[in-house]
Every structure is written in C-alpha cells, then in structure tokens.
Amino acid sequence: MSHYNFMHPRGKTVMRIAGGIWSVVILIVLVGISLFGKFLLHINNPTVYWWLSGIGIVIIVLHIIIYVVISPIYKYKVFRYRVEDHHTTIRRGLWFIQTDQIPHFRVQNVDTYEGIIMRNFGLADVILSTAGGNAEINLIPQDVALELKQQLQQYSKEDKVEHKESTEDEGQGEESEAETLESHNENDI
C-alpha cells in the first residue's frame, strides 16, 4: 500500500460520545465540589457560589466545544496512516501534528483494542509496540484492524529476518577487513 488510509467516519461519532462522557464526568465533579463547599465548608455567600457556578459552566461549555464539536472533526481530518513493505507511517495530533515512521523490524508486538463504544460502532485500534514506545492506528473497522494486525506481524517477521541477515553480512565484512589488517601487520613485522 502506498496511499494513505484514514480513520472510519464513524470514528468522529465515537470521539464525540467519549467527549460527552468526559463532559458529564467533569460536571459531576464540579457539582460535587460545589456541594462540598456549600454543605461541608459552609460557604453561604451567594456571590462566591454564583462565581463558582459560572466558572463551572464555562469549563463545561469549553470542554463540549473543544472535545465534542471541534476535536473529532480536526482529528478525523489530520489522522492518516500508510503501511509499506518496510515501515508504517502514522500522522496524528490535535494541537501539535506528529508524524511517526515505524520500521517493521523494530515492531515487537501488534495488538488490537476495542473499547465499549468502539465495539458498538464496529471499530478498533491497532497498537504497534516497539522498544521506544507505542504507536496507534485509531478508529478503523474491526475487520480492517484484524487484517492489518496480521499483515504487520508478517512484515515484522520478514523484516527482522532481513535485518538480521544484513547485519550478519556487515559483521562478516568487518571480520574479513580485520583479518586483512592483521595479515598486513604481521607481514610488516
């Protein structure tokens, strides 16, 4: 494959639902803090209570705007991946765009991940584990994820064999150079 692949369009919906869930969690925490202040700390000053409520509302609205409306669209447009014979390229990010190129001979493990929401939409993530960390191919169809996992595992095995053979060839070349230098040094004596 030499062309870029993108996350599935349903990935935007999954990100929106996840953002909405986090918005509800933040709302519950803010309500808990408000109730804690009112009943346990006995903050009965209405001005303080209204200011804290206003700040909480602003936080929730900003979170919804950023992580439910803007982020899914932007991440969908930015994210792409490409699998080639010897490496995989992944482009991702929200605030900072990052492009990772992972050589297949460095891949130690390939996993798939399906969260509860993702599973309901038939999506999965493919996680490539290397010694330097993990790289993820996000929100692709489950069947594509399983096929990609098998393909990447095969590429990884093939590239490890090729890489091992090429390093052995280089090692033999260095050994023969060392032997040649030793024989020249012995002749000079």
C-alpha atoms as a PDB file:
ATOM      1  CA  MET A   1       0.000   0.000   0.000  1.00  0.00           C
ATOM      2  CA  SER A   2       1.480   3.339  -0.922  1.00  0.00           C
ATOM      3  CA  HIS A   3      -1.574   5.552  -0.391  1.00  0.00           C
ATOM      4  CA  TYR A   4      -2.727   6.956   2.933  1.00  0.00           C
ATOM      5  CA  ASN A   5      -5.653   5.413   4.787  1.00  0.00           C
ATOM      6  CA  PHE A   6      -7.919   7.357   7.127  1.00  0.00           C
ATOM      7  CA  MET A   7      -9.932   6.552  10.218  1.00  0.00           C
ATOM      8  CA  HIS A   8     -13.510   5.444   9.616  1.00  0.00           C
ATOM      9  CA  PRO A   9     -16.116   8.273   9.512  1.00  0.00           C
ATOM     10  CA  ARG A  10     -17.890   6.647  12.480  1.00  0.00           C
ATOM     11  CA  GLY A  11     -14.738   7.478  14.447  1.00  0.00           C
ATOM     12  CA  LYS A  12     -15.977  11.066  14.749  1.00  0.00           C
ATOM     13  CA  THR A  13     -19.135   9.801  16.468  1.00  0.00           C
ATOM     14  CA  VAL A  14     -17.091   7.642  18.856  1.00  0.00           C
ATOM     15  CA  MET A  15     -14.893  10.629  19.759  1.00  0.00           C
ATOM     16  CA  ARG A  16     -17.994  12.797  20.289  1.00  0.00           C
ATOM     17  CA  ILE A  17     -19.580  10.235  22.610  1.00  0.00           C
ATOM     18  CA  ALA A  18     -16.319   9.875  24.569  1.00  0.00           C
ATOM     19  CA  GLY A  19     -16.048  13.676  24.830  1.00  0.00           C
ATOM     20  CA  GLY A  20     -19.659  13.848  26.018  1.00  0.00           C
ATOM     21  CA  ILE A  21     -18.999  11.211  28.679  1.00  0.00           C
ATOM     22  CA  TRP A  22     -15.984  13.176  29.929  1.00  0.00           C
ATOM     23  CA  SER A  23     -18.125  16.328  29.986  1.00  0.00           C
ATOM     24  CA  VAL A  24     -20.636  14.552  32.235  1.00  0.00           C
ATOM     25  CA  VAL A  25     -17.793  13.336  34.496  1.00  0.00           C
ATOM     26  CA  ILE A  26     -16.441  16.891  34.777  1.00  0.00           C
ATOM     27  CA  LEU A  27     -19.958  18.175  35.509  1.00  0.00           C
ATOM     28  CA  ILE A  28     -20.392  15.601  38.297  1.00  0.00           C
ATOM     29  CA  VAL A  29     -17.025  16.575  39.810  1.00  0.00           C
ATOM     30  CA  LEU A  30     -17.901  20.290  39.670  1.00  0.00           C
ATOM     31  CA  VAL A  31     -21.319  19.678  41.247  1.00  0.00           C
ATOM     32  CA  GLY A  32     -19.601  17.593  43.945  1.00  0.00           C
ATOM     33  CA  ILE A  33     -17.128  20.399  44.647  1.00  0.00           C
ATOM     34  CA  SER A  34     -19.998  22.890  44.795  1.00  0.00           C
ATOM     35  CA  LEU A  35     -21.982  20.744  47.233  1.00  0.00           C
ATOM     36  CA  PHE A  36     -18.848  20.120  49.298  1.00  0.00           C
ATOM     37  CA  GLY A  37     -18.268  23.876  49.564  1.00  0.00           C
ATOM     38  CA  LYS A  38     -21.874  24.655  50.382  1.00  0.00           C
ATOM     39  CA  PHE A  39     -22.609  21.957  52.959  1.00  0.00           C
ATOM     40  CA  LEU A  40     -19.260  20.947  54.453  1.00  0.00           C
ATOM     41  CA  LEU A  41     -17.313  24.207  54.274  1.00  0.00           C
ATOM     42  CA  HIS A  42     -20.473  26.253  54.890  1.00  0.00           C
ATOM     43  CA  ILE A  43     -19.816  28.715  52.070  1.00  0.00           C
ATOM     44  CA  ASN A  44     -23.139  30.506  52.127  1.00  0.00           C
ATOM     45  CA  ASN A  45     -22.009  33.632  50.326  1.00  0.00           C
ATOM     46  CA  PRO A  46     -24.203  33.796  47.183  1.00  0.00           C
ATOM     47  CA  THR A  47     -21.592  35.813  45.272  1.00  0.00           C
ATOM     48  CA  VAL A  48     -18.935  33.126  45.723  1.00  0.00           C
ATOM     49  CA  TYR A  49     -21.463  30.415  44.900  1.00  0.00           C
ATOM     50  CA  TRP A  50     -22.543  32.184  41.666  1.00  0.00           C
ATOM     51  CA  TRP A  51     -18.941  32.842  40.624  1.00  0.00           C
ATOM     52  CA  LEU A  52     -18.011  29.192  41.134  1.00  0.00           C
ATOM     53  CA  SER A  53     -21.135  28.084  39.264  1.00  0.00           C
ATOM     54  CA  GLY A  54     -20.311  30.456  36.398  1.00  0.00           C
ATOM     55  CA  ILE A  55     -16.733  29.185  36.184  1.00  0.00           C
ATOM     56  CA  GLY A  56     -18.030  25.597  36.201  1.00  0.00           C
ATOM     57  CA  ILE A  57     -20.470  26.338  33.384  1.00  0.00           C
ATOM     58  CA  VAL A  58     -17.708  27.979  31.327  1.00  0.00           C
ATOM     59  CA  ILE A  59     -15.466  24.934  31.865  1.00  0.00           C
ATOM     60  CA  ILE A  60     -18.213  22.530  30.756  1.00  0.00           C
ATOM     61  CA  VAL A  61     -19.150  24.622  27.703  1.00  0.00           C
ATOM     62  CA  LEU A  62     -15.488  24.957  26.633  1.00  0.00           C
ATOM     63  CA  HIS A  63     -14.957  21.225  27.094  1.00  0.00           C
ATOM     64  CA  ILE A  64     -18.011  20.433  24.972  1.00  0.00           C
ATOM     65  CA  ILE A  65     -16.980  22.892  22.247  1.00  0.00           C
ATOM     66  CA  ILE A  66     -13.407  21.619  22.092  1.00  0.00           C
ATOM     67  CA  TYR A  67     -13.781  17.871  22.676  1.00  0.00           C
ATOM     68  CA  VAL A  68     -17.267  17.158  21.335  1.00  0.00           C
ATOM     69  CA  VAL A  69     -17.503  19.564  18.397  1.00  0.00           C
ATOM     70  CA  ILE A  70     -14.040  20.663  17.175  1.00  0.00           C
ATOM     71  CA  SER A  71     -11.621  17.874  18.162  1.00  0.00           C
ATOM     72  CA  PRO A  72     -13.382  14.952  16.401  1.00  0.00           C
ATOM     73  CA  ILE A  73     -13.593  16.845  13.106  1.00  0.00           C
ATOM     74  CA  TYR A  74      -9.998  18.045  13.282  1.00  0.00           C
ATOM     75  CA  LYS A  75      -8.567  14.673  14.379  1.00  0.00           C
ATOM     76  CA  TYR A  76     -10.514  12.969  11.598  1.00  0.00           C
ATOM     77  CA  LYS A  77      -9.007  15.321   9.011  1.00  0.00           C
ATOM     78  CA  VAL A  78      -5.449  15.055  10.373  1.00  0.00           C
ATOM     79  CA  PHE A  79      -5.185  11.342  11.193  1.00  0.00           C
ATOM     80  CA  ARG A  80      -3.896   9.042   8.474  1.00  0.00           C
ATOM     81  CA  TYR A  81      -1.670   6.025   8.184  1.00  0.00           C
ATOM     82  CA  ARG A  82       0.226   4.196   5.473  1.00  0.00           C
ATOM     83  CA  VAL A  83       1.644   0.683   5.599  1.00  0.00           C
ATOM     84  CA  GLU A  84       4.529  -0.041   3.251  1.00  0.00           C
ATOM     85  CA  ASP A  85       6.848  -3.025   2.870  1.00  0.00           C
ATOM     86  CA  HIS A  86       9.439  -1.920   5.435  1.00  0.00           C
ATOM     87  CA  HIS A  87       7.759   0.750   7.577  1.00  0.00           C
ATOM     88  CA  THR A  88       4.438   2.182   8.735  1.00  0.00           C
ATOM     89  CA  THR A  89       3.761   5.926   8.776  1.00  0.00           C
ATOM     90  CA  ILE A  90       1.191   7.384  11.200  1.00  0.00           C
ATOM     91  CA  ARG A  91       0.146  11.054  11.214  1.00  0.00           C
ATOM     92  CA  ARG A  92      -1.886  12.280  14.186  1.00  0.00           C
ATOM     93  CA  GLY A  93      -2.497  15.124  16.591  1.00  0.00           C
ATOM     94  CA  LEU A  94      -4.830  17.861  17.725  1.00  0.00           C
ATOM     95  CA  TRP A  95      -2.738  20.808  18.859  1.00  0.00           C
ATOM     96  CA  PHE A  96       0.583  19.521  17.525  1.00  0.00           C
ATOM     97  CA  ILE A  97       0.726  17.350  14.403  1.00  0.00           C
ATOM     98  CA  GLN A  98       3.108  14.412  14.750  1.00  0.00           C
ATOM     99  CA  THR A  99       4.221  12.018  12.028  1.00  0.00           C
ATOM    100  CA  ASP A 100       5.794   8.742  13.155  1.00  0.00           C
ATOM    101  CA  GLN A 101       7.576   6.323  10.866  1.00  0.00           C
ATOM    102  CA  ILE A 102       7.960   2.902  12.453  1.00  0.00           C
ATOM    103  CA  PRO A 103      10.355   0.417  10.805  1.00  0.00           C
ATOM    104  CA  HIS A 104       8.780  -3.037  10.835  1.00  0.00           C
ATOM    105  CA  PHE A 105      11.922  -4.744  12.136  1.00  0.00           C
ATOM    106  CA  ARG A 106      11.574  -2.627  15.315  1.00  0.00           C
ATOM    107  CA  VAL A 107       7.995  -3.766  15.996  1.00  0.00           C
ATOM    108  CA  GLN A 108       7.907  -6.185  18.928  1.00  0.00           C
ATOM    109  CA  ASN A 109       4.161  -6.703  19.225  1.00  0.00           C
ATOM    110  CA  VAL A 110       0.967  -5.810  17.356  1.00  0.00           C
ATOM    111  CA  ASP A 111      -2.312  -5.664  19.306  1.00  0.00           C
ATOM    112  CA  THR A 112      -5.870  -4.607  18.628  1.00  0.00           C
ATOM    113  CA  TYR A 113      -8.034  -2.713  21.107  1.00  0.00           C
ATOM    114  CA  GLU A 114     -11.807  -2.362  21.107  1.00  0.00           C
ATOM    115  CA  GLY A 115     -13.407  -0.140  23.743  1.00  0.00           C
ATOM    116  CA  ILE A 116     -17.074  -0.451  24.669  1.00  0.00           C
ATOM    117  CA  ILE A 117     -18.166   2.460  22.489  1.00  0.00           C
ATOM    118  CA  MET A 118     -15.847   1.428  19.663  1.00  0.00           C
ATOM    119  CA  ARG A 119     -17.220  -2.112  19.680  1.00  0.00           C
ATOM    120  CA  ASN A 120     -20.786  -0.814  19.292  1.00  0.00           C
ATOM    121  CA  PHE A 121     -19.694   1.054  16.154  1.00  0.00           C
ATOM    122  CA  GLY A 122     -17.599  -1.833  14.774  1.00  0.00           C
ATOM    123  CA  LEU A 123     -14.276  -0.002  15.198  1.00  0.00           C
ATOM    124  CA  ALA A 124     -10.902  -0.925  16.687  1.00  0.00           C
ATOM    125  CA  ASP A 125      -7.402   0.447  17.260  1.00  0.00           C
ATOM    126  CA  VAL A 126      -4.198  -1.279  16.143  1.00  0.00           C
ATOM    127  CA  ILE A 127      -1.300  -0.774  18.559  1.00  0.00           C
ATOM    128  CA  LEU A 128       2.296  -1.249  17.384  1.00  0.00           C
ATOM    129  CA  SER A 129       4.681  -1.796  20.308  1.00  0.00           C
ATOM    130  CA  THR A 130       8.380  -1.034  19.933  1.00  0.00           C
ATOM    131  CA  ALA A 131      11.193  -0.608  22.435  1.00  0.00           C
ATOM    132  CA  GLY A 132      10.756   3.156  22.025  1.00  0.00           C
ATOM    133  CA  GLY A 133       7.040   3.163  22.847  1.00  0.00           C
ATOM    134  CA  ASN A 134       3.691   2.506  21.234  1.00  0.00           C
ATOM    135  CA  ALA A 135       2.071   3.871  18.091  1.00  0.00           C
ATOM    136  CA  GLU A 136      -1.657   3.601  17.436  1.00  0.00           C
ATOM    137  CA  ILE A 137      -3.745   3.393  14.305  1.00  0.00           C
ATOM    138  CA  ASN A 138      -7.061   4.692  15.615  1.00  0.00           C
ATOM    139  CA  LEU A 139     -10.711   4.008  14.873  1.00  0.00           C
ATOM    140  CA  ILE A 140     -10.599   1.750  11.841  1.00  0.00           C
ATOM    141  CA  PRO A 141     -13.139  -1.003  11.056  1.00  0.00           C
ATOM    142  CA  GLN A 142     -12.638  -4.203  13.077  1.00  0.00           C
ATOM    143  CA  ASP A 143     -12.107  -6.408  10.019  1.00  0.00           C
ATOM    144  CA  VAL A 144      -9.513  -3.985   8.627  1.00  0.00           C
ATOM    145  CA  ALA A 145      -7.821  -3.889  12.049  1.00  0.00           C
ATOM    146  CA  LEU A 146      -7.509  -7.680  12.214  1.00  0.00           C
ATOM    147  CA  GLU A 147      -6.236  -7.862   8.632  1.00  0.00           C
ATOM    148  CA  LEU A 148      -3.771  -5.039   9.320  1.00  0.00           C
ATOM    149  CA  LYS A 149      -2.584  -6.762  12.505  1.00  0.00           C
ATOM    150  CA  GLN A 150      -1.799  -9.963  10.599  1.00  0.00           C
ATOM    151  CA  GLN A 151      -0.131  -8.018   7.782  1.00  0.00           C
ATOM    152  CA  LEU A 152       2.046  -6.024  10.198  1.00  0.00           C
ATOM    153  CA  GLN A 153       3.031  -9.167  12.112  1.00  0.00           C
ATOM    154  CA  GLN A 154       4.074 -10.805   8.837  1.00  0.00           C
ATOM    155  CA  TYR A 155       6.023  -7.717   7.699  1.00  0.00           C
ATOM    156  CA  SER A 156       7.696  -7.549  11.097  1.00  0.00           C
ATOM    157  CA  LYS A 157       8.835 -11.188  10.922  1.00  0.00           C
ATOM    158  CA  GLU A 158      10.139 -10.780   7.360  1.00  0.00           C
ATOM    159  CA  ASP A 159      11.953  -7.528   8.134  1.00  0.00           C
ATOM    160  CA  LYS A 160      13.556  -8.958  11.278  1.00  0.00           C
ATOM    161  CA  VAL A 161      14.982 -11.834   9.215  1.00  0.00           C
ATOM    162  CA  GLU A 162      16.211  -9.427   6.503  1.00  0.00           C
ATOM    163  CA  HIS A 163      17.662  -7.049   9.093  1.00  0.00           C
ATOM    164  CA  LYS A 164      19.416  -9.904  10.903  1.00  0.00           C
ATOM    165  CA  GLU A 165      20.902 -11.197   7.629  1.00  0.00           C
ATOM    166  CA  SER A 166      22.087  -7.725   6.593  1.00  0.00           C
ATOM    167  CA  THR A 167      23.754  -7.098   9.973  1.00  0.00           C
ATOM    168  CA  GLU A 168      25.413 -10.531   9.802  1.00  0.00           C
ATOM    169  CA  ASP A 169      26.714  -9.705   6.302  1.00  0.00           C
ATOM    170  CA  GLU A 170      28.095  -6.399   7.580  1.00  0.00           C
ATOM    171  CA  GLY A 171      29.646  -8.210  10.540  1.00  0.00           C
ATOM    172  CA  GLN A 172      31.349 -10.729   8.227  1.00  0.00           C
ATOM    173  CA  GLY A 173      32.675  -7.881   6.094  1.00  0.00           C
ATOM    174  CA  GLU A 174      34.163  -6.219   9.169  1.00  0.00           C
ATOM    175  CA  GLU A 175      35.713  -9.522  10.293  1.00  0.00           C
ATOM    176  CA  SER A 176      37.367 -10.054   6.893  1.00  0.00           C
ATOM    177  CA  GLU A 177      38.702  -6.475   6.998  1.00  0.00           C
ATOM    178  CA  ALA A 178      40.109  -7.120  10.462  1.00  0.00           C
ATOM    179  CA  GLU A 179      41.757 -10.348   9.252  1.00  0.00           C
ATOM    180  CA  THR A 180      43.249  -8.499   6.266  1.00  0.00           C
ATOM    181  CA  LEU A 181      44.636  -5.777   8.529  1.00  0.00           C
ATOM    182  CA  GLU A 182      46.116  -8.384  10.875  1.00  0.00           C
ATOM    183  CA  SER A 183      47.792 -10.201   7.981  1.00  0.00           C
ATOM    184  CA  HIS A 184      49.241  -6.892   6.695  1.00  0.00           C
ATOM    185  CA  ASN A 185      50.534  -6.045  10.161  1.00  0.00           C
ATOM    186  CA  GLU A 186      52.178  -9.478  10.505  1.00  0.00           C
ATOM    187  CA  ASN A 187      53.858  -9.092   7.093  1.00  0.00           C
ATOM    188  CA  ASP A 188      55.172  -5.657   8.055  1.00  0.00           C
ATOM    189  CA  ILE A 189      56.955  -7.096  11.099  1.00  0.00           C
END
